[in-house]
Amino acid sequence: MKPSKTFNQFSVGLTGGIGSGKSLVADQFAKLGAAVIDTDLIAHQLTGVGGAAMPAIRETFGDSFLTSEGALDRAAMRTHVFSDPSARKQLESILHPMIATQTRAQAASATGDYLMFVVPLLTESGQWKNRVDRVLVVDCPESLQLSRVMQRNQLSAEAVQSIMNTQATRAARLAIADDVIVNDGALANVTDAVLRLHERYQRLAAKK
């Protein structure tokens, strides 16, 4: 087991490509007693109406990247940062410190059996892999990722593929995984895998 350098409690980093089913898996762990901290949800809260990140985003990018209600226009920003890497870095410089602060605060007050952090870009991060005790990857064929996101987000195949191209490859995610859950559409298999891992994580948490 890798030593956790950040959290006193046993911790798991949950990741996977877009459309892999991270939220489905995280929800199941939460129902079993894990303290789930979703960094993507934190980012959505920060960029929603009245979100703490919105003043800086508005000052940096202008009103054209805000909805009429004052939230981040995610579609417009997604298109912008995909075409302009410097804009992506600007957005990250605003959001990442705020996300880190909120993540630490939620971890400090968590009361579950162990901590589970949902981090979509964990593989791409040079830090998260060393912060948690285990890395859990939700895996599925890329063709399934494509079809799921097209249906869920009403995006074209080209748009979804462009998002996938900015993320780590399936092979890269699997290479850093301590544990893997395959979500290829068989929900019963996912549920069984979650239960087995939850019981294992409980045992590991008890030893820490």
N, C-alpha and C. Protein backbone atom coordinates (compact mmCIF):
# COMPACT_ATOMS: atom_id res chain seq x y z
N MET A 1 0.84 -1.19 0.00
CA MET A 1 0.00 0.00 0.00
C MET A 1 0.88 1.24 0.00
N LYS A 2 0.62 2.17 -0.89
CA LYS A 2 1.40 3.40 -0.97
C LYS A 2 1.09 4.31 0.21
N PRO A 3 2.10 4.96 0.78
CA PRO A 3 1.81 5.88 1.88
C PRO A 3 1.07 7.11 1.37
N SER A 4 0.04 7.51 2.11
CA SER A 4 -0.69 8.72 1.75
C SER A 4 0.02 9.92 2.35
N LYS A 5 0.39 10.88 1.51
CA LYS A 5 1.14 12.04 1.97
C LYS A 5 0.22 13.20 2.33
N THR A 6 -1.05 13.07 2.03
CA THR A 6 -1.96 14.20 2.19
C THR A 6 -3.04 13.96 3.24
N PHE A 7 -3.59 12.76 3.30
CA PHE A 7 -4.76 12.51 4.12
C PHE A 7 -4.45 11.48 5.20
N ASN A 8 -4.90 11.75 6.42
CA ASN A 8 -4.68 10.82 7.52
C ASN A 8 -5.52 9.57 7.38
N GLN A 9 -6.69 9.72 6.77
CA GLN A 9 -7.61 8.60 6.60
C GLN A 9 -7.25 7.84 5.32
N PHE A 10 -7.55 6.54 5.30
CA PHE A 10 -7.31 5.75 4.08
C PHE A 10 -8.07 6.38 2.92
N SER A 11 -7.42 6.50 1.78
CA SER A 11 -8.03 7.23 0.67
C SER A 11 -7.85 6.51 -0.65
N VAL A 12 -8.86 6.67 -1.50
CA VAL A 12 -8.89 6.07 -2.84
C VAL A 12 -9.13 7.18 -3.85
N GLY A 13 -8.38 7.17 -4.93
CA GLY A 13 -8.62 8.09 -6.03
C GLY A 13 -9.36 7.36 -7.13
N LEU A 14 -10.56 7.80 -7.43
CA LEU A 14 -11.39 7.17 -8.45
C LEU A 14 -11.31 8.00 -9.74
N THR A 15 -10.98 7.35 -10.84
CA THR A 15 -10.87 8.07 -12.10
C THR A 15 -11.33 7.19 -13.25
N GLY A 16 -11.38 7.80 -14.43
CA GLY A 16 -11.81 7.10 -15.64
C GLY A 16 -12.07 8.14 -16.71
N GLY A 17 -12.10 7.72 -17.94
CA GLY A 17 -12.35 8.64 -19.03
C GLY A 17 -13.79 9.13 -19.03
N ILE A 18 -14.06 10.18 -19.80
CA ILE A 18 -15.42 10.70 -19.91
C ILE A 18 -16.35 9.59 -20.40
N GLY A 19 -17.50 9.47 -19.76
CA GLY A 19 -18.46 8.45 -20.15
C GLY A 19 -18.16 7.05 -19.65
N SER A 20 -17.16 6.91 -18.80
CA SER A 20 -16.81 5.57 -18.32
C SER A 20 -17.76 5.09 -17.22
N GLY A 21 -18.37 6.03 -16.52
CA GLY A 21 -19.30 5.64 -15.46
C GLY A 21 -18.78 5.93 -14.06
N LYS A 22 -17.93 6.94 -13.94
CA LYS A 22 -17.37 7.29 -12.62
C LYS A 22 -18.46 7.63 -11.62
N SER A 23 -19.45 8.41 -12.04
CA SER A 23 -20.51 8.82 -11.11
C SER A 23 -21.33 7.63 -10.65
N LEU A 24 -21.63 6.72 -11.55
CA LEU A 24 -22.36 5.51 -11.20
C LEU A 24 -21.63 4.74 -10.11
N VAL A 25 -20.35 4.54 -10.32
CA VAL A 25 -19.54 3.78 -9.37
C VAL A 25 -19.40 4.53 -8.05
N ALA A 26 -19.15 5.82 -8.12
CA ALA A 26 -19.00 6.62 -6.90
C ALA A 26 -20.27 6.60 -6.07
N ASP A 27 -21.41 6.68 -6.72
CA ASP A 27 -22.70 6.65 -6.00
C ASP A 27 -22.87 5.33 -5.25
N GLN A 28 -22.44 4.24 -5.87
CA GLN A 28 -22.57 2.95 -5.21
C GLN A 28 -21.66 2.85 -3.99
N PHE A 29 -20.44 3.36 -4.12
CA PHE A 29 -19.54 3.38 -2.96
C PHE A 29 -20.10 4.24 -1.84
N ALA A 30 -20.69 5.37 -2.20
CA ALA A 30 -21.26 6.28 -1.19
C ALA A 30 -22.38 5.58 -0.42
N LYS A 31 -23.22 4.83 -1.12
CA LYS A 31 -24.33 4.14 -0.47
C LYS A 31 -23.84 3.07 0.50
N LEU A 32 -22.63 2.54 0.24
CA LEU A 32 -22.07 1.51 1.11
C LEU A 32 -21.34 2.11 2.31
N GLY A 33 -21.07 3.42 2.28
CA GLY A 33 -20.45 4.04 3.44
C GLY A 33 -19.17 4.80 3.20
N ALA A 34 -18.71 4.87 1.96
CA ALA A 34 -17.52 5.66 1.66
C ALA A 34 -17.86 7.15 1.69
N ALA A 35 -16.89 7.96 2.08
CA ALA A 35 -17.06 9.42 2.03
C ALA A 35 -16.56 9.88 0.67
N VAL A 36 -17.47 10.13 -0.25
CA VAL A 36 -17.12 10.47 -1.62
C VAL A 36 -17.00 11.98 -1.77
N ILE A 37 -15.86 12.41 -2.29
CA ILE A 37 -15.59 13.82 -2.55
C ILE A 37 -15.32 13.96 -4.04
N ASP A 38 -16.24 14.61 -4.75
CA ASP A 38 -16.20 14.69 -6.21
C ASP A 38 -15.62 16.03 -6.63
N THR A 39 -14.41 16.03 -7.16
CA THR A 39 -13.77 17.29 -7.55
C THR A 39 -14.48 17.94 -8.73
N ASP A 40 -15.12 17.13 -9.57
CA ASP A 40 -15.87 17.70 -10.69
C ASP A 40 -17.11 18.44 -10.18
N LEU A 41 -17.77 17.87 -9.17
CA LEU A 41 -18.93 18.52 -8.56
C LEU A 41 -18.51 19.83 -7.89
N ILE A 42 -17.35 19.80 -7.24
CA ILE A 42 -16.83 21.02 -6.62
C ILE A 42 -16.61 22.09 -7.68
N ALA A 43 -16.04 21.68 -8.82
CA ALA A 43 -15.80 22.63 -9.91
C ALA A 43 -17.11 23.22 -10.43
N HIS A 44 -18.15 22.40 -10.52
CA HIS A 44 -19.45 22.89 -10.97
C HIS A 44 -20.04 23.89 -9.98
N GLN A 45 -19.85 23.63 -8.70
CA GLN A 45 -20.34 24.56 -7.69
C GLN A 45 -19.60 25.89 -7.76
N LEU A 46 -18.31 25.82 -7.97
CA LEU A 46 -17.49 27.04 -8.05
C LEU A 46 -17.84 27.89 -9.27
N THR A 47 -18.34 27.24 -10.32
CA THR A 47 -18.62 27.95 -11.58
C THR A 47 -20.11 28.11 -11.84
N GLY A 48 -20.94 27.78 -10.84
CA GLY A 48 -22.37 27.99 -10.97
C GLY A 48 -22.75 29.42 -10.63
N VAL A 49 -24.03 29.68 -10.61
CA VAL A 49 -24.52 31.03 -10.26
C VAL A 49 -24.07 31.37 -8.84
N GLY A 50 -23.36 32.47 -8.71
CA GLY A 50 -22.85 32.87 -7.41
C GLY A 50 -21.63 32.12 -6.95
N GLY A 51 -21.07 31.29 -7.82
CA GLY A 51 -19.90 30.49 -7.47
C GLY A 51 -18.68 31.35 -7.19
N ALA A 52 -17.82 30.86 -6.30
CA ALA A 52 -16.67 31.65 -5.87
C ALA A 52 -15.69 31.96 -6.98
N ALA A 53 -15.68 31.12 -8.03
CA ALA A 53 -14.73 31.33 -9.12
C ALA A 53 -15.23 32.30 -10.18
N MET A 54 -16.50 32.63 -10.14
CA MET A 54 -17.07 33.41 -11.24
C MET A 54 -16.53 34.83 -11.38
N PRO A 55 -16.27 35.56 -10.31
CA PRO A 55 -15.71 36.90 -10.50
C PRO A 55 -14.38 36.87 -11.26
N ALA A 56 -13.49 35.94 -10.90
CA ALA A 56 -12.20 35.85 -11.59
C ALA A 56 -12.36 35.39 -13.03
N ILE A 57 -13.29 34.47 -13.27
CA ILE A 57 -13.53 34.00 -14.63
C ILE A 57 -14.08 35.12 -15.49
N ARG A 58 -15.00 35.89 -14.92
CA ARG A 58 -15.58 37.01 -15.67
C ARG A 58 -14.53 38.06 -15.99
N GLU A 59 -13.67 38.35 -15.03
CA GLU A 59 -12.62 39.36 -15.24
C GLU A 59 -11.61 38.88 -16.28
N THR A 60 -11.30 37.59 -16.29
CA THR A 60 -10.28 37.04 -17.18
C THR A 60 -10.81 36.82 -18.59
N PHE A 61 -12.04 36.30 -18.70
CA PHE A 61 -12.54 35.87 -20.01
C PHE A 61 -13.64 36.75 -20.58
N GLY A 62 -14.30 37.53 -19.73
CA GLY A 62 -15.36 38.40 -20.23
C GLY A 62 -16.74 37.79 -20.13
N ASP A 63 -17.75 38.63 -20.36
CA ASP A 63 -19.14 38.21 -20.22
C ASP A 63 -19.59 37.19 -21.25
N SER A 64 -18.88 37.08 -22.36
CA SER A 64 -19.30 36.16 -23.42
C SER A 64 -19.18 34.70 -22.99
N PHE A 65 -18.50 34.45 -21.88
CA PHE A 65 -18.36 33.07 -21.39
C PHE A 65 -19.24 32.81 -20.18
N LEU A 66 -20.22 33.71 -19.96
CA LEU A 66 -21.18 33.54 -18.89
C LEU A 66 -22.57 33.33 -19.46
N THR A 67 -23.38 32.56 -18.75
CA THR A 67 -24.78 32.42 -19.14
C THR A 67 -25.53 33.68 -18.71
N SER A 68 -26.78 33.79 -19.12
CA SER A 68 -27.58 34.96 -18.74
C SER A 68 -27.80 35.02 -17.23
N GLU A 69 -27.70 33.85 -16.56
CA GLU A 69 -27.88 33.83 -15.11
C GLU A 69 -26.60 34.16 -14.35
N GLY A 70 -25.47 34.16 -15.07
CA GLY A 70 -24.21 34.48 -14.43
C GLY A 70 -23.34 33.30 -14.10
N ALA A 71 -23.71 32.11 -14.58
CA ALA A 71 -22.88 30.92 -14.40
C ALA A 71 -21.90 30.80 -15.57
N LEU A 72 -20.97 29.90 -15.45
CA LEU A 72 -20.05 29.65 -16.56
C LEU A 72 -20.81 28.98 -17.71
N ASP A 73 -20.61 29.50 -18.91
CA ASP A 73 -21.16 28.85 -20.12
C ASP A 73 -20.18 27.75 -20.50
N ARG A 74 -20.48 26.54 -20.07
CA ARG A 74 -19.53 25.44 -20.21
C ARG A 74 -19.24 25.09 -21.68
N ALA A 75 -20.27 25.15 -22.50
CA ALA A 75 -20.07 24.82 -23.91
C ALA A 75 -19.13 25.82 -24.57
N ALA A 76 -19.35 27.10 -24.31
CA ALA A 76 -18.50 28.13 -24.90
C ALA A 76 -17.07 28.02 -24.39
N MET A 77 -16.92 27.79 -23.08
CA MET A 77 -15.58 27.68 -22.51
C MET A 77 -14.88 26.42 -23.00
N ARG A 78 -15.61 25.32 -23.13
CA ARG A 78 -15.01 24.09 -23.61
C ARG A 78 -14.42 24.29 -25.01
N THR A 79 -15.20 24.93 -25.89
CA THR A 79 -14.72 25.19 -27.24
C THR A 79 -13.49 26.09 -27.22
N HIS A 80 -13.51 27.08 -26.35
CA HIS A 80 -12.42 28.05 -26.26
C HIS A 80 -11.12 27.39 -25.79
N VAL A 81 -11.18 26.63 -24.71
CA VAL A 81 -9.95 26.07 -24.15
C VAL A 81 -9.40 24.94 -25.01
N PHE A 82 -10.26 24.26 -25.76
CA PHE A 82 -9.76 23.22 -26.65
C PHE A 82 -8.97 23.82 -27.81
N SER A 83 -9.34 25.03 -28.21
CA SER A 83 -8.66 25.66 -29.34
C SER A 83 -7.51 26.57 -28.89
N ASP A 84 -7.42 26.85 -27.60
CA ASP A 84 -6.40 27.78 -27.11
C ASP A 84 -5.81 27.24 -25.80
N PRO A 85 -4.67 26.54 -25.86
CA PRO A 85 -4.07 25.96 -24.66
C PRO A 85 -3.75 26.99 -23.58
N SER A 86 -3.43 28.22 -23.97
CA SER A 86 -3.13 29.24 -22.96
C SER A 86 -4.37 29.60 -22.16
N ALA A 87 -5.53 29.57 -22.82
CA ALA A 87 -6.80 29.84 -22.12
C ALA A 87 -7.09 28.72 -21.13
N ARG A 88 -6.77 27.51 -21.52
CA ARG A 88 -6.96 26.37 -20.61
C ARG A 88 -6.13 26.55 -19.35
N LYS A 89 -4.89 27.00 -19.52
CA LYS A 89 -4.02 27.21 -18.36
C LYS A 89 -4.55 28.34 -17.48
N GLN A 90 -5.10 29.38 -18.11
CA GLN A 90 -5.68 30.48 -17.34
C GLN A 90 -6.84 30.00 -16.49
N LEU A 91 -7.71 29.19 -17.11
CA LEU A 91 -8.87 28.67 -16.39
C LEU A 91 -8.42 27.77 -15.24
N GLU A 92 -7.45 26.92 -15.51
CA GLU A 92 -6.95 26.01 -14.48
C GLU A 92 -6.31 26.78 -13.32
N SER A 93 -5.63 27.88 -13.64
CA SER A 93 -4.98 28.66 -12.58
C SER A 93 -6.00 29.30 -11.65
N ILE A 94 -7.20 29.54 -12.17
CA ILE A 94 -8.29 30.06 -11.33
C ILE A 94 -8.93 28.94 -10.53
N LEU A 95 -9.26 27.86 -11.20
CA LEU A 95 -10.07 26.80 -10.58
C LEU A 95 -9.28 25.86 -9.67
N HIS A 96 -8.10 25.46 -10.09
CA HIS A 96 -7.40 24.40 -9.36
C HIS A 96 -7.11 24.73 -7.90
N PRO A 97 -6.64 25.93 -7.58
CA PRO A 97 -6.43 26.24 -6.16
C PRO A 97 -7.72 26.22 -5.35
N MET A 98 -8.81 26.70 -5.95
CA MET A 98 -10.09 26.69 -5.25
C MET A 98 -10.61 25.28 -5.05
N ILE A 99 -10.45 24.46 -6.07
CA ILE A 99 -10.88 23.06 -5.95
C ILE A 99 -10.07 22.36 -4.86
N ALA A 100 -8.76 22.62 -4.83
CA ALA A 100 -7.91 21.99 -3.82
C ALA A 100 -8.33 22.39 -2.41
N THR A 101 -8.65 23.65 -2.22
CA THR A 101 -9.07 24.13 -0.91
C THR A 101 -10.37 23.46 -0.47
N GLN A 102 -11.35 23.40 -1.38
CA GLN A 102 -12.62 22.77 -1.06
C GLN A 102 -12.46 21.27 -0.81
N THR A 103 -11.59 20.64 -1.58
CA THR A 103 -11.36 19.20 -1.43
C THR A 103 -10.78 18.91 -0.05
N ARG A 104 -9.80 19.69 0.37
CA ARG A 104 -9.21 19.48 1.70
C ARG A 104 -10.23 19.71 2.80
N ALA A 105 -11.06 20.74 2.63
CA ALA A 105 -12.07 21.04 3.64
C ALA A 105 -13.08 19.90 3.77
N GLN A 106 -13.52 19.37 2.64
CA GLN A 106 -14.48 18.27 2.68
C GLN A 106 -13.85 17.01 3.27
N ALA A 107 -12.59 16.78 2.94
CA ALA A 107 -11.90 15.60 3.49
C ALA A 107 -11.75 15.70 5.00
N ALA A 108 -11.47 16.91 5.49
CA ALA A 108 -11.26 17.12 6.92
C ALA A 108 -12.53 16.87 7.72
N SER A 109 -13.69 17.10 7.11
CA SER A 109 -14.95 16.94 7.84
C SER A 109 -15.69 15.65 7.48
N ALA A 110 -15.09 14.81 6.65
CA ALA A 110 -15.74 13.58 6.19
C ALA A 110 -15.87 12.57 7.33
N THR A 111 -16.95 11.80 7.31
CA THR A 111 -17.20 10.84 8.39
C THR A 111 -17.44 9.42 7.86
N GLY A 112 -17.12 9.14 6.62
CA GLY A 112 -17.35 7.81 6.05
C GLY A 112 -16.30 6.80 6.49
N ASP A 113 -16.45 5.57 5.98
CA ASP A 113 -15.51 4.50 6.32
C ASP A 113 -14.10 4.80 5.82
N TYR A 114 -14.01 5.50 4.71
CA TYR A 114 -12.74 5.91 4.12
C TYR A 114 -13.05 7.01 3.11
N LEU A 115 -12.01 7.67 2.62
CA LEU A 115 -12.19 8.75 1.67
C LEU A 115 -12.09 8.23 0.24
N MET A 116 -12.98 8.68 -0.61
CA MET A 116 -12.89 8.37 -2.04
C MET A 116 -13.01 9.67 -2.82
N PHE A 117 -11.95 10.02 -3.54
CA PHE A 117 -11.91 11.24 -4.33
C PHE A 117 -12.17 10.91 -5.79
N VAL A 118 -13.20 11.53 -6.36
CA VAL A 118 -13.48 11.37 -7.78
C VAL A 118 -12.70 12.46 -8.51
N VAL A 119 -11.70 12.03 -9.30
CA VAL A 119 -10.80 12.97 -9.97
C VAL A 119 -10.71 12.59 -11.44
N PRO A 120 -11.48 13.23 -12.31
CA PRO A 120 -11.49 12.85 -13.72
C PRO A 120 -10.10 12.85 -14.37
N LEU A 121 -9.27 13.81 -14.00
CA LEU A 121 -7.94 13.92 -14.63
C LEU A 121 -6.84 13.46 -13.69
N LEU A 122 -7.12 12.45 -12.88
CA LEU A 122 -6.12 11.94 -11.95
C LEU A 122 -4.88 11.44 -12.68
N THR A 123 -5.07 10.72 -13.77
CA THR A 123 -3.93 10.17 -14.52
C THR A 123 -3.05 11.28 -15.06
N GLU A 124 -3.68 12.36 -15.51
CA GLU A 124 -2.93 13.46 -16.09
C GLU A 124 -2.20 14.29 -15.03
N SER A 125 -2.67 14.19 -13.80
CA SER A 125 -2.10 14.98 -12.71
C SER A 125 -0.76 14.40 -12.27
N GLY A 126 0.17 15.27 -11.99
CA GLY A 126 1.44 14.80 -11.47
C GLY A 126 1.44 14.67 -9.97
N GLN A 127 0.30 14.97 -9.33
CA GLN A 127 0.25 15.00 -7.87
C GLN A 127 -0.71 13.99 -7.25
N TRP A 128 -1.88 13.82 -7.84
CA TRP A 128 -2.91 13.03 -7.19
C TRP A 128 -2.50 11.59 -6.96
N LYS A 129 -1.74 11.01 -7.87
CA LYS A 129 -1.36 9.59 -7.72
C LYS A 129 -0.60 9.34 -6.42
N ASN A 130 0.11 10.36 -5.96
CA ASN A 130 0.90 10.22 -4.73
C ASN A 130 0.17 10.69 -3.49
N ARG A 131 -1.03 11.19 -3.66
CA ARG A 131 -1.81 11.68 -2.52
C ARG A 131 -2.69 10.60 -1.91
N VAL A 132 -3.03 9.60 -2.69
CA VAL A 132 -3.99 8.59 -2.24
C VAL A 132 -3.31 7.23 -2.06
N ASP A 133 -3.98 6.37 -1.29
CA ASP A 133 -3.42 5.05 -1.02
C ASP A 133 -3.65 4.08 -2.18
N ARG A 134 -4.80 4.23 -2.86
CA ARG A 134 -5.12 3.35 -3.98
C ARG A 134 -5.70 4.18 -5.12
N VAL A 135 -5.42 3.77 -6.34
CA VAL A 135 -6.03 4.37 -7.52
C VAL A 135 -6.99 3.35 -8.13
N LEU A 136 -8.25 3.74 -8.24
CA LEU A 136 -9.28 2.88 -8.82
C LEU A 136 -9.71 3.47 -10.16
N VAL A 137 -9.60 2.69 -11.21
CA VAL A 137 -9.97 3.14 -12.56
C VAL A 137 -11.26 2.45 -12.99
N VAL A 138 -12.21 3.25 -13.43
CA VAL A 138 -13.42 2.73 -14.06
C VAL A 138 -13.12 2.65 -15.56
N ASP A 139 -13.19 1.46 -16.11
CA ASP A 139 -12.74 1.23 -17.48
C ASP A 139 -13.89 0.74 -18.35
N CYS A 140 -13.87 1.16 -19.61
CA CYS A 140 -14.81 0.63 -20.60
C CYS A 140 -14.23 0.86 -21.98
N PRO A 141 -14.71 0.15 -22.99
CA PRO A 141 -14.22 0.38 -24.35
C PRO A 141 -14.46 1.81 -24.80
N GLU A 142 -13.55 2.35 -25.59
CA GLU A 142 -13.68 3.72 -26.04
C GLU A 142 -14.93 3.93 -26.89
N SER A 143 -15.36 2.91 -27.61
CA SER A 143 -16.58 3.03 -28.41
C SER A 143 -17.80 3.26 -27.52
N LEU A 144 -17.78 2.66 -26.32
CA LEU A 144 -18.87 2.87 -25.37
C LEU A 144 -18.82 4.28 -24.79
N GLN A 145 -17.62 4.75 -24.48
CA GLN A 145 -17.47 6.13 -24.01
C GLN A 145 -18.10 7.09 -25.02
N LEU A 146 -17.77 6.89 -26.26
CA LEU A 146 -18.23 7.77 -27.33
C LEU A 146 -19.76 7.78 -27.41
N SER A 147 -20.35 6.60 -27.45
CA SER A 147 -21.81 6.53 -27.60
C SER A 147 -22.53 7.08 -26.37
N ARG A 148 -22.00 6.80 -25.18
CA ARG A 148 -22.64 7.28 -23.96
C ARG A 148 -22.65 8.80 -23.89
N VAL A 149 -21.51 9.42 -24.20
CA VAL A 149 -21.43 10.87 -24.08
C VAL A 149 -22.23 11.55 -25.18
N MET A 150 -22.25 10.97 -26.37
CA MET A 150 -23.07 11.53 -27.44
C MET A 150 -24.53 11.57 -27.03
N GLN A 151 -25.00 10.49 -26.43
CA GLN A 151 -26.40 10.41 -26.01
C GLN A 151 -26.67 11.31 -24.81
N ARG A 152 -25.76 11.30 -23.83
CA ARG A 152 -25.97 12.04 -22.59
C ARG A 152 -25.90 13.55 -22.80
N ASN A 153 -24.92 13.99 -23.57
CA ASN A 153 -24.66 15.43 -23.72
C ASN A 153 -25.14 15.99 -25.05
N GLN A 154 -25.74 15.14 -25.88
CA GLN A 154 -26.23 15.59 -27.18
C GLN A 154 -25.11 16.26 -27.99
N LEU A 155 -23.96 15.59 -28.04
CA LEU A 155 -22.81 16.10 -28.78
C LEU A 155 -22.56 15.20 -29.98
N SER A 156 -21.88 15.77 -30.97
CA SER A 156 -21.51 14.98 -32.14
C SER A 156 -20.36 14.05 -31.80
N ALA A 157 -20.16 13.04 -32.63
CA ALA A 157 -19.04 12.12 -32.43
C ALA A 157 -17.72 12.87 -32.46
N GLU A 158 -17.62 13.85 -33.34
CA GLU A 158 -16.38 14.63 -33.45
C GLU A 158 -16.11 15.42 -32.17
N ALA A 159 -17.16 16.00 -31.61
CA ALA A 159 -17.01 16.79 -30.39
C ALA A 159 -16.57 15.91 -29.22
N VAL A 160 -17.18 14.74 -29.10
CA VAL A 160 -16.82 13.83 -28.02
C VAL A 160 -15.39 13.32 -28.21
N GLN A 161 -15.07 12.99 -29.43
CA GLN A 161 -13.71 12.49 -29.69
C GLN A 161 -12.66 13.53 -29.37
N SER A 162 -12.98 14.79 -29.62
CA SER A 162 -12.02 15.86 -29.32
C SER A 162 -11.80 15.96 -27.81
N ILE A 163 -12.85 15.74 -27.02
CA ILE A 163 -12.70 15.72 -25.56
C ILE A 163 -11.84 14.53 -25.14
N MET A 164 -12.13 13.37 -25.69
CA MET A 164 -11.37 12.17 -25.35
C MET A 164 -9.91 12.33 -25.71
N ASN A 165 -9.64 13.04 -26.78
CA ASN A 165 -8.25 13.22 -27.22
C ASN A 165 -7.44 14.08 -26.26
N THR A 166 -8.12 14.90 -25.45
CA THR A 166 -7.41 15.73 -24.48
C THR A 166 -7.15 14.98 -23.18
N GLN A 167 -7.77 13.81 -23.02
CA GLN A 167 -7.60 13.04 -21.81
C GLN A 167 -6.54 11.96 -22.00
N ALA A 168 -6.09 11.41 -20.89
CA ALA A 168 -5.13 10.31 -20.95
C ALA A 168 -5.75 9.14 -21.72
N THR A 169 -4.91 8.33 -22.30
CA THR A 169 -5.39 7.16 -23.03
C THR A 169 -5.89 6.09 -22.06
N ARG A 170 -6.67 5.21 -22.58
CA ARG A 170 -7.17 4.10 -21.76
C ARG A 170 -5.99 3.31 -21.19
N ALA A 171 -4.97 3.08 -22.01
CA ALA A 171 -3.80 2.32 -21.56
C ALA A 171 -3.06 3.05 -20.44
N ALA A 172 -2.97 4.37 -20.55
CA ALA A 172 -2.27 5.15 -19.51
C ALA A 172 -3.01 5.07 -18.18
N ARG A 173 -4.34 5.12 -18.22
CA ARG A 173 -5.11 5.01 -16.97
C ARG A 173 -4.92 3.64 -16.34
N LEU A 174 -5.00 2.60 -17.16
CA LEU A 174 -4.86 1.25 -16.63
C LEU A 174 -3.46 1.00 -16.07
N ALA A 175 -2.48 1.70 -16.63
CA ALA A 175 -1.09 1.51 -16.19
C ALA A 175 -0.86 1.98 -14.76
N ILE A 176 -1.65 2.94 -14.29
CA ILE A 176 -1.45 3.45 -12.92
C ILE A 176 -2.46 2.87 -11.95
N ALA A 177 -3.36 2.01 -12.43
CA ALA A 177 -4.45 1.51 -11.59
C ALA A 177 -3.96 0.47 -10.59
N ASP A 178 -4.40 0.62 -9.34
CA ASP A 178 -4.25 -0.45 -8.36
C ASP A 178 -5.44 -1.39 -8.44
N ASP A 179 -6.60 -0.82 -8.78
CA ASP A 179 -7.84 -1.59 -8.90
C ASP A 179 -8.59 -1.11 -10.13
N VAL A 180 -9.35 -2.00 -10.75
CA VAL A 180 -10.10 -1.67 -11.97
C VAL A 180 -11.52 -2.22 -11.86
N ILE A 181 -12.49 -1.40 -12.22
CA ILE A 181 -13.87 -1.85 -12.37
C ILE A 181 -14.24 -1.67 -13.84
N VAL A 182 -14.65 -2.75 -14.47
CA VAL A 182 -15.05 -2.70 -15.88
C VAL A 182 -16.54 -2.39 -15.96
N ASN A 183 -16.87 -1.28 -16.61
CA ASN A 183 -18.27 -0.87 -16.76
C ASN A 183 -18.63 -0.94 -18.24
N ASP A 184 -18.90 -2.14 -18.70
CA ASP A 184 -19.21 -2.34 -20.12
C ASP A 184 -20.71 -2.51 -20.36
N GLY A 185 -21.51 -2.11 -19.38
CA GLY A 185 -22.96 -2.19 -19.54
C GLY A 185 -23.63 -3.21 -18.66
N ALA A 186 -22.85 -4.08 -18.04
CA ALA A 186 -23.42 -5.11 -17.15
C ALA A 186 -23.44 -4.56 -15.73
N LEU A 187 -24.55 -3.95 -15.33
CA LEU A 187 -24.65 -3.28 -14.04
C LEU A 187 -24.41 -4.22 -12.88
N ALA A 188 -24.89 -5.46 -12.98
CA ALA A 188 -24.71 -6.41 -11.88
C ALA A 188 -23.24 -6.67 -11.62
N ASN A 189 -22.45 -6.73 -12.67
CA ASN A 189 -21.02 -6.96 -12.51
C ASN A 189 -20.35 -5.77 -11.82
N VAL A 190 -20.80 -4.56 -12.17
CA VAL A 190 -20.26 -3.36 -11.54
C VAL A 190 -20.59 -3.37 -10.05
N THR A 191 -21.84 -3.68 -9.73
CA THR A 191 -22.28 -3.71 -8.33
C THR A 191 -21.49 -4.72 -7.52
N ASP A 192 -21.25 -5.90 -8.08
CA ASP A 192 -20.48 -6.93 -7.40
C ASP A 192 -19.04 -6.47 -7.17
N ALA A 193 -18.46 -5.84 -8.18
CA ALA A 193 -17.08 -5.36 -8.07
C ALA A 193 -16.96 -4.26 -7.01
N VAL A 194 -17.95 -3.36 -6.97
CA VAL A 194 -17.94 -2.29 -5.97
C VAL A 194 -18.01 -2.88 -4.57
N LEU A 195 -18.86 -3.85 -4.37
CA LEU A 195 -19.01 -4.46 -3.04
C LEU A 195 -17.71 -5.13 -2.60
N ARG A 196 -17.07 -5.86 -3.49
CA ARG A 196 -15.82 -6.53 -3.15
C ARG A 196 -14.74 -5.52 -2.78
N LEU A 197 -14.64 -4.48 -3.58
CA LEU A 197 -13.62 -3.47 -3.30
C LEU A 197 -13.93 -2.69 -2.03
N HIS A 198 -15.21 -2.39 -1.80
CA HIS A 198 -15.60 -1.68 -0.59
C HIS A 198 -15.16 -2.46 0.65
N GLU A 199 -15.40 -3.74 0.64
CA GLU A 199 -15.02 -4.58 1.78
C GLU A 199 -13.50 -4.60 1.94
N ARG A 200 -12.79 -4.61 0.83
CA ARG A 200 -11.33 -4.58 0.90
C ARG A 200 -10.84 -3.24 1.43
N TYR A 201 -11.44 -2.16 0.96
CA TYR A 201 -11.02 -0.83 1.42
C TYR A 201 -11.33 -0.65 2.91
N GLN A 202 -12.42 -1.22 3.37
CA GLN A 202 -12.73 -1.16 4.80
C GLN A 202 -11.63 -1.84 5.61
N ARG A 203 -11.17 -2.99 5.13
CA ARG A 203 -10.10 -3.70 5.85
C ARG A 203 -8.81 -2.89 5.86
N LEU A 204 -8.49 -2.29 4.72
CA LEU A 204 -7.27 -1.49 4.63
C LEU A 204 -7.37 -0.24 5.49
N ALA A 205 -8.56 0.35 5.52
CA ALA A 205 -8.77 1.54 6.34
C ALA A 205 -8.60 1.21 7.83
N ALA A 206 -9.02 0.04 8.22
CA ALA A 206 -8.92 -0.36 9.62
C ALA A 206 -7.47 -0.53 10.06
N LYS A 207 -6.60 -0.81 9.10
CA LYS A 207 -5.19 -1.04 9.42
C LYS A 207 -4.39 0.26 9.46
N LYS A 208 -4.95 1.33 8.89
CA LYS A 208 -4.18 2.58 8.77
C LYS A 208 -4.24 3.38 10.08
